[in-house]
Amino acid sequence: MTDLEYADHADALLLQIEQACDRITEETDVDLDAQRVGGMVTIIFPNRTQIVVNQQKPLHEIWLAAKAGGFHFKFDGQVWQDTKGEGEFISMLNQFASEQAGEALSFS
């Protein structure tokens, strides 16, 4: 994957996260605060816990840090997959965000 292709896919993922946070805040009782600075989105939950998603441009990866731990993802041509085979990014984000929010959330 070229640097430009990585940037396009990574930026699209961060935008999807931001838009999903806005939708979740509008449609549920969970008030998420998504703050984007460059290639990083920080999701702040009402209980003040956070999930941080950031681009790792030199490695062509996306990193996710949650209470559950830290995870690295590479784009496989269709979705972002965990580099250790733990799963797909959006599924894992849904799981970790739901755990931190105390109710089911979907970033799809």
Protein backbone atom coordinates (compact mmCIF):
# COMPACT_ATOMS: atom_id res chain seq x y z
CA MET A 1 0.00 0.00 0.00
CA THR A 2 1.32 3.44 -0.86
CA ASP A 3 1.50 6.27 1.64
CA LEU A 4 -1.35 8.03 -0.17
CA GLU A 5 -3.57 4.93 -0.09
CA TYR A 6 -2.85 4.51 3.63
CA ALA A 7 -3.69 8.16 4.30
CA ASP A 8 -7.00 7.87 2.41
CA HIS A 9 -8.09 4.73 4.30
CA ALA A 10 -6.89 6.00 7.67
CA ASP A 11 -8.57 9.40 7.26
CA ALA A 12 -11.82 7.70 6.21
CA LEU A 13 -11.72 5.56 9.36
CA LEU A 14 -11.17 8.55 11.65
CA LEU A 15 -14.02 10.42 9.95
CA GLN A 16 -16.27 7.38 10.39
CA ILE A 17 -15.46 7.36 14.11
CA GLU A 18 -16.21 11.07 14.48
CA GLN A 19 -19.51 10.76 12.63
CA ALA A 20 -20.50 7.68 14.65
CA CYS A 21 -19.81 9.56 17.90
CA ASP A 22 -22.12 12.37 16.74
CA ARG A 23 -24.81 9.85 15.78
CA ILE A 24 -24.50 7.95 19.08
CA THR A 25 -24.81 11.19 21.06
CA GLU A 26 -27.93 12.16 19.08
CA GLU A 27 -29.63 8.73 19.20
CA THR A 28 -28.75 7.46 22.69
CA ASP A 29 -28.34 8.70 26.25
CA VAL A 30 -24.55 8.32 25.94
CA ASP A 31 -22.89 11.71 25.52
CA LEU A 32 -19.62 11.03 23.71
CA ASP A 33 -17.08 13.76 23.12
CA ALA A 34 -14.89 13.05 20.08
CA GLN A 35 -11.86 15.30 19.79
CA ARG A 36 -9.70 15.11 16.67
CA VAL A 37 -6.22 16.52 16.49
CA GLY A 38 -4.43 15.68 13.26
CA GLY A 39 -4.27 11.91 12.90
CA MET A 40 -5.72 11.16 16.33
CA VAL A 41 -9.28 10.90 17.68
CA THR A 42 -9.91 10.80 21.41
CA ILE A 43 -13.34 9.56 22.49
CA ILE A 44 -14.27 10.73 25.97
CA PHE A 45 -17.09 8.92 27.76
CA PRO A 46 -19.41 10.38 30.42
CA ASN A 47 -17.48 8.43 33.11
CA ARG A 48 -14.31 10.26 31.91
CA THR A 49 -12.69 7.11 30.48
CA GLN A 50 -11.19 7.45 27.02
CA ILE A 51 -10.47 5.53 23.86
CA VAL A 52 -7.69 6.91 21.67
CA VAL A 53 -7.36 6.02 17.98
CA ASN A 54 -4.35 7.30 16.11
CA GLN A 55 -2.54 6.89 12.84
CA GLN A 56 0.93 5.38 12.76
CA LYS A 57 1.96 6.62 9.35
CA PRO A 58 5.45 5.07 9.12
CA LEU A 59 3.99 1.61 9.84
CA HIS A 60 0.75 2.11 7.84
CA GLU A 61 -1.16 1.13 10.98
CA ILE A 62 -3.99 2.39 13.14
CA TRP A 63 -3.51 2.09 16.88
CA LEU A 64 -6.35 1.84 19.38
CA ALA A 65 -5.90 2.34 23.14
CA ALA A 66 -8.80 1.47 25.47
CA LYS A 67 -9.23 0.22 29.03
CA ALA A 68 -8.93 -3.28 27.51
CA GLY A 69 -5.42 -2.52 26.25
CA GLY A 70 -3.57 -1.37 23.16
CA PHE A 71 -4.09 -2.81 19.68
CA HIS A 72 -2.50 -2.34 16.24
CA PHE A 73 -4.42 -2.68 12.97
CA LYS A 74 -3.40 -2.97 9.31
CA PHE A 75 -5.69 -2.47 6.33
CA ASP A 76 -6.20 -5.77 4.47
CA GLY A 77 -7.78 -4.23 1.37
CA GLN A 78 -11.27 -4.25 2.87
CA VAL A 79 -11.11 -3.66 6.64
CA TRP A 80 -8.62 -2.85 9.38
CA GLN A 81 -7.50 -6.13 11.00
CA ASP A 82 -5.67 -6.54 14.31
CA THR A 83 -2.04 -7.47 13.66
CA LYS A 84 -2.24 -10.27 16.27
CA GLY A 85 -5.40 -11.81 14.84
CA GLU A 86 -7.72 -10.52 17.56
CA GLY A 87 -10.34 -9.20 15.13
CA GLU A 88 -11.56 -6.34 12.97
CA PHE A 89 -11.24 -2.71 14.09
CA ILE A 90 -14.92 -1.62 14.13
CA SER A 91 -16.02 -4.80 15.92
CA MET A 92 -13.37 -4.32 18.57
CA LEU A 93 -14.16 -0.60 18.90
CA ASN A 94 -17.86 -1.49 19.35
CA GLN A 95 -16.94 -3.95 22.10
CA PHE A 96 -14.54 -1.68 23.98
CA ALA A 97 -16.75 1.42 23.69
CA SER A 98 -19.78 -0.55 24.87
CA GLU A 99 -17.83 -1.81 27.88
CA GLN A 100 -16.66 1.70 28.76
CA ALA A 101 -20.10 3.27 28.21
CA GLY A 102 -22.00 0.55 30.06
CA GLU A 103 -24.39 0.00 27.14
CA ALA A 104 -24.25 -1.32 23.59
CA LEU A 105 -22.79 1.15 21.08
CA SER A 106 -22.24 0.76 17.35
CA PHE A 107 -19.67 2.63 15.27
CA SER A 108 -20.72 0.84 12.06
